[in-house]
Amino acid sequence: MDFKESFSVALSALLSNRVRLVLTMLGIIIGVGAVIAMVALGQGAKQAVETQIQQLGTNLLTVRSGTGGGPMFNRATGATVGFTLEHLKVIREQCKTIETAIPELNQYTQIKYANQVTYSQVLGTEPEYEFVRNAPLEQGEYFTNADNSRRNRVCVIGEEVRSELFGEIKDVIGEQVKIRGINFTIVGLLKSKGEGFGDPDNTVIIPLLTAQKRVFGTERVSQIDIKVASLDIMNAASLEVEQVLRKQNRLAEGDENNFMIRSQLDYLNTFGEASKTLTTLLAAIAAVSLLVGGIGIMNIMLVSVTERTREIGVRMAIGARKKDIRYQFLIEAIVIAMAGGIIGILAGVGGAMALAKFADWNTAIVPGAVALAFVFSGVVGVVFGLFPAIKASNLNPIDSLRYE
């Protein structure tokens, strides 16, 4: 009996009990669909994170005080060092591998317009923030260096702040908002970036000296952002900045840095590894359904062997060989698994698309995952169909013919 005939006989046997066929495939369908949907969610989350980081600028070094984000201390004196404009000046003057550096002073605080109130990140910085942080405007313009030196009360707001305070009003240039009870005139509106690190749409940007002297009352800055000319010299720039700051903070050889330097590539790598681990975990959990589906296939095929014992005996009596019987049952198991795999792929892709459309989740279909799930479903059919097929082929023809 050739493959075509074996396949035809196997298909006829399966279609003779359609309800049992569907129930047997269900485990494979759920397993394959879950694997594809989970991998799509993991990959979508990874791409979303990468996009958000890239929106902030990939050639960016962020320098923060302390070893865990808190204030830093001089080991020699025990006094709080912190970042000041002197640190910024030294970096600009002595670091030859950087393009520019800007300070950031940020705190979450209340923003008010008329009777509307919201809480946003108020960020004091310099006009170069637009280029260092890749933060273009939708309307208006950034404040100037003159605004900064004069401590003018002007601000640039994010789209979420505009929406919370002004509702449907789109043109907000010239309007006044209160930051900690102090009037500020809006001179620019940031282009929306969507949700992301630092919640860029929920930001109000003001001149640094205005933030230090009029709003927060501090000489310190929260961090220093450094733009590097190209990705190729990121490591060299980071090392140079580290050496300059160690000297500025009077750290002796062997002393631990009391500041942190991170690049956007570090964040990309970190979140990439985390996303990879999460995706693998989700896929592994979903793959358990495939194994359960495989066990279901083996169980049903064993039942089928028992039910068709007399049929097997008749075929052997008229000349069917052991391998013919074995191939027939193995083909049945593979057909069940592959059919379930195809339906599962459609369900998984459809589920991922539905999550993206209706739940607004980030998903990305991975062709490799689809191909792997399909192949794995076939492997499940072979592995779990092999034992029932061997059992059927080893039946004694005489005993089988007498089986009731």
Protein backbone atom coordinates (compact mmCIF):
# COMPACT_ATOMS: atom_id res chain seq x y z
CA MET A 1 0.00 0.00 0.00
CA ASP A 2 1.63 3.25 -1.17
CA PHE A 3 1.61 6.58 0.68
CA LYS A 4 -1.29 8.03 -1.30
CA GLU A 5 -3.51 5.06 -0.52
CA SER A 6 -2.40 5.04 3.14
CA PHE A 7 -3.20 8.73 3.43
CA SER A 8 -6.62 8.22 1.84
CA VAL A 9 -7.48 5.36 4.20
CA ALA A 10 -6.23 7.34 7.21
CA LEU A 11 -8.26 10.40 6.24
CA SER A 12 -11.41 8.33 5.77
CA ALA A 13 -10.92 6.75 9.19
CA LEU A 14 -10.52 10.17 10.83
CA LEU A 15 -13.53 11.73 9.11
CA SER A 16 -15.73 8.83 10.16
CA ASN A 17 -15.85 10.40 13.65
CA ARG A 18 -15.59 14.16 13.17
CA VAL A 19 -16.49 15.14 16.73
CA ARG A 20 -13.71 13.02 18.19
CA LEU A 21 -11.32 14.39 15.56
CA VAL A 22 -12.05 18.00 16.56
CA LEU A 23 -11.73 17.26 20.27
CA THR A 24 -8.42 15.47 19.66
CA MET A 25 -7.06 18.42 17.70
CA LEU A 26 -8.16 20.91 20.35
CA GLY A 27 -5.06 20.48 22.49
CA ILE A 28 -2.77 21.09 19.52
CA ILE A 29 -4.85 24.08 18.39
CA ILE A 30 -4.66 25.70 21.82
CA GLY A 31 -0.95 24.93 22.17
CA VAL A 32 0.12 26.28 18.78
CA GLY A 33 -2.17 29.30 19.05
CA ALA A 34 -0.89 30.13 22.53
CA VAL A 35 2.76 29.82 21.48
CA ILE A 36 2.31 32.17 18.52
CA ALA A 37 0.24 34.70 20.50
CA MET A 38 2.68 34.73 23.45
CA VAL A 39 5.74 35.12 21.23
CA ALA A 40 3.93 37.91 19.32
CA LEU A 41 3.23 39.71 22.61
CA GLY A 42 6.83 39.35 23.76
CA GLN A 43 8.26 40.51 20.44
CA GLY A 44 5.80 43.39 20.26
CA ALA A 45 6.80 44.55 23.74
CA LYS A 46 10.48 44.36 22.77
CA GLN A 47 9.94 46.42 19.61
CA ALA A 48 7.91 48.99 21.53
CA VAL A 49 10.69 49.39 24.10
CA GLU A 50 13.33 49.71 21.36
CA THR A 51 11.25 52.35 19.58
CA GLN A 52 10.75 54.33 22.78
CA ILE A 53 14.47 54.28 23.59
CA GLN A 54 15.41 55.24 20.03
CA GLN A 55 12.99 58.17 20.21
CA LEU A 56 15.08 59.53 23.07
CA GLY A 57 18.23 59.32 20.95
CA THR A 58 20.58 56.36 20.64
CA ASN A 59 23.82 58.41 20.80
CA LEU A 60 23.06 59.46 24.35
CA LEU A 61 24.93 59.06 27.62
CA THR A 62 23.09 59.74 30.87
CA VAL A 63 25.14 60.61 33.95
CA ARG A 64 23.48 60.40 37.35
CA SER A 65 24.82 60.90 40.85
CA GLY A 66 25.25 58.06 43.33
CA THR A 67 25.51 54.32 42.79
CA GLY A 68 21.75 53.85 42.89
CA GLY A 69 20.37 57.14 41.70
CA GLY A 70 20.61 58.95 45.04
CA PRO A 71 22.93 61.82 46.01
CA MET A 72 26.64 61.12 45.79
CA PHE A 73 29.20 61.71 48.51
CA ASN A 74 32.84 62.63 48.56
CA ARG A 75 34.65 59.76 50.27
CA ALA A 76 37.37 62.05 51.59
CA THR A 77 35.14 64.60 53.32
CA GLY A 78 31.84 62.73 53.68
CA ALA A 79 30.05 65.75 52.26
CA THR A 80 27.32 65.61 49.65
CA VAL A 81 28.78 66.33 46.23
CA GLY A 82 25.85 66.18 43.81
CA PHE A 83 25.94 67.47 40.26
CA THR A 84 26.27 71.20 39.79
CA LEU A 85 26.82 73.40 36.76
CA GLU A 86 30.54 73.14 37.52
CA HIS A 87 30.42 69.43 36.64
CA LEU A 88 28.68 70.32 33.39
CA LYS A 89 31.29 72.96 32.59
CA VAL A 90 34.17 70.55 33.19
CA ILE A 91 32.59 67.88 30.97
CA ARG A 92 32.05 70.38 28.16
CA GLU A 93 35.60 71.71 28.37
CA GLN A 94 37.59 68.53 28.88
CA CYS A 95 35.68 65.78 27.03
CA LYS A 96 36.76 65.87 23.39
CA THR A 97 34.69 62.89 22.23
CA ILE A 98 31.29 64.45 22.92
CA GLU A 99 29.11 66.76 20.82
CA THR A 100 27.30 68.56 23.60
CA ALA A 101 26.08 68.14 27.17
CA ILE A 102 23.03 69.53 28.93
CA PRO A 103 21.77 69.48 32.53
CA GLU A 104 18.42 68.19 33.75
CA LEU A 105 16.63 69.10 36.96
CA ASN A 106 13.31 67.32 37.22
CA GLN A 107 10.55 66.77 39.75
CA TYR A 108 6.90 65.80 39.58
CA THR A 109 4.72 68.66 40.69
CA GLN A 110 1.34 70.29 40.20
CA ILE A 111 0.43 72.14 37.00
CA LYS A 112 -2.72 74.25 36.92
CA TYR A 113 -4.74 76.08 34.27
CA ALA A 114 -7.94 77.80 35.39
CA ASN A 115 -9.79 75.05 37.30
CA GLN A 116 -7.92 72.17 35.66
CA VAL A 117 -5.11 70.49 37.59
CA THR A 118 -2.65 67.78 36.62
CA TYR A 119 0.63 66.39 37.93
CA SER A 120 3.54 66.29 35.51
CA GLN A 121 7.29 66.04 35.34
CA VAL A 122 8.70 69.56 35.38
CA LEU A 123 12.10 69.53 33.76
CA GLY A 124 14.58 72.37 33.98
CA THR A 125 17.17 72.31 31.20
CA GLU A 126 18.73 74.30 28.35
CA PRO A 127 17.48 74.93 24.77
CA GLU A 128 19.78 72.20 23.32
CA TYR A 129 17.45 69.66 24.97
CA GLU A 130 15.52 69.55 21.70
CA PHE A 131 18.47 68.02 19.85
CA VAL A 132 20.09 65.99 22.63
CA ARG A 133 16.83 64.29 23.60
CA ASN A 134 15.29 64.21 20.12
CA ALA A 135 12.29 66.25 21.29
CA PRO A 136 10.91 68.27 18.34
CA LEU A 137 8.00 70.70 18.63
CA GLU A 138 4.50 70.51 17.21
CA GLN A 139 3.87 74.22 17.77
CA GLY A 140 5.80 77.30 18.82
CA GLU A 141 9.47 77.31 19.74
CA TYR A 142 11.85 76.46 22.55
CA PHE A 143 12.95 79.06 25.06
CA THR A 144 16.32 80.67 24.39
CA ASN A 145 19.60 81.00 26.26
CA ALA A 146 18.53 84.56 27.03
CA ASP A 147 15.34 83.23 28.67
CA ASN A 148 17.52 80.92 30.75
CA SER A 149 19.99 83.60 31.88
CA ARG A 150 17.13 86.00 32.73
CA ARG A 151 15.23 83.23 34.53
CA ASN A 152 12.14 83.94 32.43
CA ARG A 153 8.94 82.09 33.28
CA VAL A 154 8.32 80.35 29.96
CA CYS A 155 7.66 76.68 29.28
CA VAL A 156 7.24 73.98 26.65
CA ILE A 157 4.56 71.39 27.41
CA GLY A 158 3.89 67.83 26.28
CA GLU A 159 0.77 66.62 24.48
CA GLU A 160 -0.63 64.82 27.54
CA VAL A 161 -0.31 67.99 29.62
CA ARG A 162 -2.08 69.97 26.90
CA SER A 163 -4.89 67.41 26.76
CA GLU A 164 -5.32 67.29 30.56
CA LEU A 165 -5.39 71.07 30.99
CA PHE A 166 -6.91 72.38 27.76
CA GLY A 167 -9.08 69.53 26.50
CA GLU A 168 -9.97 70.05 22.85
CA ILE A 169 -8.10 73.36 22.55
CA LYS A 170 -5.15 72.71 20.21
CA ASP A 171 -3.52 76.13 19.96
CA VAL A 172 -2.12 76.80 23.43
CA ILE A 173 0.83 79.05 22.57
CA GLY A 174 0.68 82.18 24.72
CA GLU A 175 -1.57 80.61 27.37
CA GLN A 176 -0.48 80.74 30.99
CA VAL A 177 -0.24 77.84 33.43
CA LYS A 178 0.77 77.78 37.09
CA ILE A 179 3.71 75.62 38.19
CA ARG A 180 3.77 75.46 41.98
CA GLY A 181 1.62 78.58 41.96
CA ILE A 182 3.99 80.52 39.67
CA ASN A 183 2.68 81.77 36.31
CA PHE A 184 4.46 80.45 33.21
CA THR A 185 3.74 81.34 29.58
CA ILE A 186 3.57 78.46 27.10
CA VAL A 187 5.92 79.06 24.17
CA GLY A 188 6.00 75.56 22.64
CA LEU A 189 4.13 72.24 22.36
CA LEU A 190 6.11 69.00 22.04
CA LYS A 191 5.30 66.45 19.34
CA SER A 192 3.63 63.43 20.88
CA LYS A 193 5.81 60.35 21.34
CA GLY A 194 3.23 58.15 23.01
CA GLU A 195 3.88 56.23 26.20
CA GLY A 196 7.54 55.69 26.92
CA PHE A 197 10.41 56.08 29.34
CA GLY A 198 10.09 59.19 31.45
CA ASP A 199 6.56 59.66 30.09
CA PRO A 200 7.72 62.27 27.52
CA ASP A 201 4.20 63.49 26.73
CA ASN A 202 3.58 64.26 30.41
CA THR A 203 6.43 66.74 30.64
CA VAL A 204 6.77 70.48 31.14
CA ILE A 205 10.16 71.91 30.13
CA ILE A 206 11.38 75.19 31.62
CA PRO A 207 14.73 77.05 31.63
CA LEU A 208 17.23 75.51 34.05
CA LEU A 209 18.01 78.67 36.03
CA THR A 210 14.29 79.40 36.34
CA ALA A 211 13.82 75.89 37.75
CA GLN A 212 16.73 76.27 40.17
CA LYS A 213 16.07 79.79 41.41
CA ARG A 214 12.31 80.32 41.08
CA VAL A 215 10.71 76.84 41.34
CA PHE A 216 12.80 74.26 43.20
CA GLY A 217 15.34 76.37 45.08
CA THR A 218 18.45 74.25 44.54
CA GLU A 219 21.86 74.61 42.93
CA ARG A 220 22.00 70.96 41.94
CA VAL A 221 20.84 69.13 38.83
CA SER A 222 19.33 65.66 38.63
CA GLN A 223 21.47 64.37 35.78
CA ILE A 224 23.61 65.35 32.81
CA ASP A 225 22.73 64.23 29.28
CA ILE A 226 25.59 63.89 26.82
CA LYS A 227 25.19 63.57 23.06
CA VAL A 228 27.95 61.63 21.31
CA ALA A 229 28.73 62.07 17.63
CA SER A 230 28.31 58.40 16.67
CA LEU A 231 27.66 54.97 18.14
CA ASP A 232 31.21 53.90 17.27
CA ILE A 233 32.76 56.08 19.97
CA MET A 234 30.16 55.57 22.71
CA ASN A 235 32.50 53.45 24.83
CA ALA A 236 35.39 55.89 24.38
CA ALA A 237 33.15 58.82 25.31
CA SER A 238 31.82 57.01 28.39
CA LEU A 239 35.36 56.24 29.55
CA GLU A 240 36.47 59.84 29.01
CA VAL A 241 33.50 61.24 30.95
CA GLU A 242 34.19 58.76 33.76
CA GLN A 243 37.83 59.88 34.03
CA VAL A 244 36.89 63.56 34.05
CA LEU A 245 34.23 63.11 36.75
CA ARG A 246 36.48 60.97 38.94
CA LYS A 247 39.08 63.73 38.85
CA GLN A 248 36.46 66.41 39.49
CA ASN A 249 35.07 64.47 42.48
CA ARG A 250 38.60 63.79 43.81
CA LEU A 251 38.22 60.03 43.87
CA ALA A 252 41.38 58.14 44.69
CA GLU A 253 42.54 55.15 42.67
CA GLY A 254 40.54 52.14 43.79
CA ASP A 255 37.57 54.21 45.00
CA GLU A 256 34.20 53.20 43.61
CA ASN A 257 32.52 55.69 41.29
CA ASN A 258 29.93 57.82 43.09
CA PHE A 259 28.11 58.40 39.81
CA MET A 260 26.59 56.25 37.09
CA ILE A 261 27.05 56.53 33.33
CA ARG A 262 24.50 54.72 31.19
CA SER A 263 24.02 54.73 27.45
CA GLN A 264 20.82 54.11 25.55
CA LEU A 265 22.49 50.98 24.17
CA ASP A 266 22.71 49.69 27.74
CA TYR A 267 18.97 50.13 28.11
CA LEU A 268 18.36 48.47 24.74
CA ASN A 269 20.51 45.50 25.68
CA THR A 270 18.98 45.21 29.15
CA PHE A 271 15.40 45.31 27.94
CA GLY A 272 16.28 43.10 25.00
CA GLU A 273 17.56 40.38 27.33
CA ALA A 274 14.59 40.79 29.67
CA SER A 275 12.17 40.61 26.76
CA LYS A 276 13.93 37.53 25.36
CA THR A 277 13.69 35.79 28.73
CA LEU A 278 10.02 36.71 29.11
CA THR A 279 9.20 35.56 25.58
CA THR A 280 10.98 32.25 26.14
CA LEU A 281 9.12 31.73 29.42
CA LEU A 282 5.75 32.50 27.85
CA ALA A 283 6.47 30.21 24.90
CA ALA A 284 7.59 27.42 27.23
CA ILE A 285 4.39 27.69 29.25
CA ALA A 286 2.32 27.65 26.07
CA ALA A 287 4.30 24.67 24.75
CA VAL A 288 2.98 22.61 27.66
CA SER A 289 -0.39 22.70 25.88
CA LEU A 290 1.27 21.08 22.87
CA LEU A 291 2.53 18.23 25.02
CA VAL A 292 -0.92 17.83 26.56
CA GLY A 293 -2.34 17.81 23.03
CA GLY A 294 0.19 15.13 22.05
CA ILE A 295 -0.87 12.97 24.97
CA GLY A 296 -4.47 13.42 23.84
CA ILE A 297 -3.54 12.24 20.35
CA MET A 298 -1.81 9.14 21.73
CA ASN A 299 -4.77 8.35 23.95
CA ILE A 300 -7.29 8.62 21.13
CA MET A 301 -5.09 6.62 18.77
CA LEU A 302 -4.82 3.81 21.34
CA VAL A 303 -8.60 3.81 21.63
CA SER A 304 -8.80 3.73 17.84
CA VAL A 305 -6.46 0.72 17.69
CA THR A 306 -8.67 -1.12 20.15
CA GLU A 307 -11.86 -0.23 18.25
CA ARG A 308 -10.39 -1.27 14.89
CA THR A 309 -8.69 -4.47 16.00
CA ARG A 310 -10.91 -6.64 13.77
CA GLU A 311 -10.33 -4.27 10.82
CA ILE A 312 -6.56 -4.60 11.33
CA GLY A 313 -6.89 -8.39 11.37
CA VAL A 314 -8.84 -8.38 8.09
CA ARG A 315 -6.22 -6.21 6.38
CA MET A 316 -3.40 -8.40 7.56
CA ALA A 317 -5.29 -11.48 6.38
CA ILE A 318 -5.59 -10.14 2.83
CA GLY A 319 -1.92 -9.20 2.60
CA ALA A 320 -1.27 -5.94 4.49
CA ARG A 321 2.22 -5.85 5.98
CA LYS A 322 3.12 -4.66 9.45
CA LYS A 323 4.69 -1.49 8.05
CA ASP A 324 1.46 -0.75 6.11
CA ILE A 325 -0.56 -0.85 9.32
CA ARG A 326 2.11 1.14 11.15
CA TYR A 327 2.23 3.83 8.43
CA GLN A 328 -1.54 4.13 8.35
CA PHE A 329 -1.90 4.86 12.07
CA LEU A 330 1.17 7.07 12.09
CA ILE A 331 -0.24 9.09 9.19
CA GLU A 332 -3.51 9.48 11.10
CA ALA A 333 -1.66 10.90 14.12
CA ILE A 334 0.40 13.26 11.96
CA VAL A 335 -2.69 14.46 10.07
CA ILE A 336 -4.45 15.23 13.36
CA ALA A 337 -1.40 17.14 14.67
CA MET A 338 -0.69 19.05 11.45
CA ALA A 339 -4.33 20.00 10.92
CA GLY A 340 -4.48 21.19 14.52
CA GLY A 341 -1.23 23.08 13.94
CA ILE A 342 -2.60 24.93 10.90
CA ILE A 343 -5.81 25.88 12.73
CA GLY A 344 -3.72 26.87 15.78
CA ILE A 345 -1.53 29.13 13.62
CA LEU A 346 -4.61 30.88 12.27
CA ALA A 347 -6.00 31.21 15.80
CA GLY A 348 -2.71 32.52 17.19
CA VAL A 349 -2.24 35.10 14.42
CA GLY A 350 -5.87 36.15 14.70
CA GLY A 351 -5.60 36.40 18.48
CA ALA A 352 -2.46 38.54 18.26
CA MET A 353 -4.11 40.86 15.74
CA ALA A 354 -7.23 41.10 17.92
CA LEU A 355 -5.14 42.03 20.98
CA ALA A 356 -3.40 44.73 18.96
CA LYS A 357 -6.64 46.15 17.61
CA PHE A 358 -9.05 45.89 20.52
CA ALA A 359 -6.79 45.84 23.60
CA ASP A 360 -4.18 48.22 22.10
CA TRP A 361 -1.34 45.85 22.99
CA ASN A 362 1.90 45.84 21.04
CA THR A 363 2.20 42.58 19.11
CA ALA A 364 4.50 41.42 16.31
CA ILE A 365 4.04 38.15 14.43
CA VAL A 366 7.35 36.29 14.21
CA PRO A 367 7.53 34.11 11.04
CA GLY A 368 10.16 31.93 12.70
CA ALA A 369 7.80 31.20 15.60
CA VAL A 370 5.00 30.32 13.18
CA ALA A 371 7.25 27.92 11.25
CA LEU A 372 8.60 26.40 14.48
CA ALA A 373 5.11 25.87 15.90
CA PHE A 374 4.02 24.15 12.68
CA VAL A 375 7.07 21.87 12.62
CA PHE A 376 6.72 21.13 16.32
CA SER A 377 3.09 20.11 15.86
CA GLY A 378 4.24 17.62 13.21
CA VAL A 379 6.90 16.29 15.58
CA VAL A 380 4.25 15.88 18.27
CA GLY A 381 2.18 13.82 15.82
CA VAL A 382 5.13 11.54 15.06
CA VAL A 383 6.28 11.14 18.67
CA PHE A 384 2.88 10.51 20.20
CA GLY A 385 1.52 8.56 17.25
CA LEU A 386 4.44 6.16 17.06
CA PHE A 387 3.51 3.97 20.03
CA PRO A 388 -0.13 3.37 18.95
CA ALA A 389 1.09 2.69 15.38
CA ILE A 390 3.62 0.10 16.58
CA LYS A 391 1.02 -1.48 18.84
CA ALA A 392 -1.41 -1.79 15.92
CA SER A 393 1.22 -3.30 13.62
CA ASN A 394 2.19 -5.91 16.24
CA LEU A 395 -1.33 -7.32 16.64
CA ASN A 396 -1.73 -11.01 15.88
CA PRO A 397 -3.92 -11.39 12.74
CA ILE A 398 -5.75 -14.48 14.05
CA ASP A 399 -6.48 -12.93 17.45
CA SER A 400 -7.56 -9.75 15.72
CA LEU A 401 -10.04 -11.55 13.47
CA ARG A 402 -11.63 -13.22 16.51
CA TYR A 403 -11.81 -9.91 18.41
CA GLU A 404 -15.38 -8.83 19.16
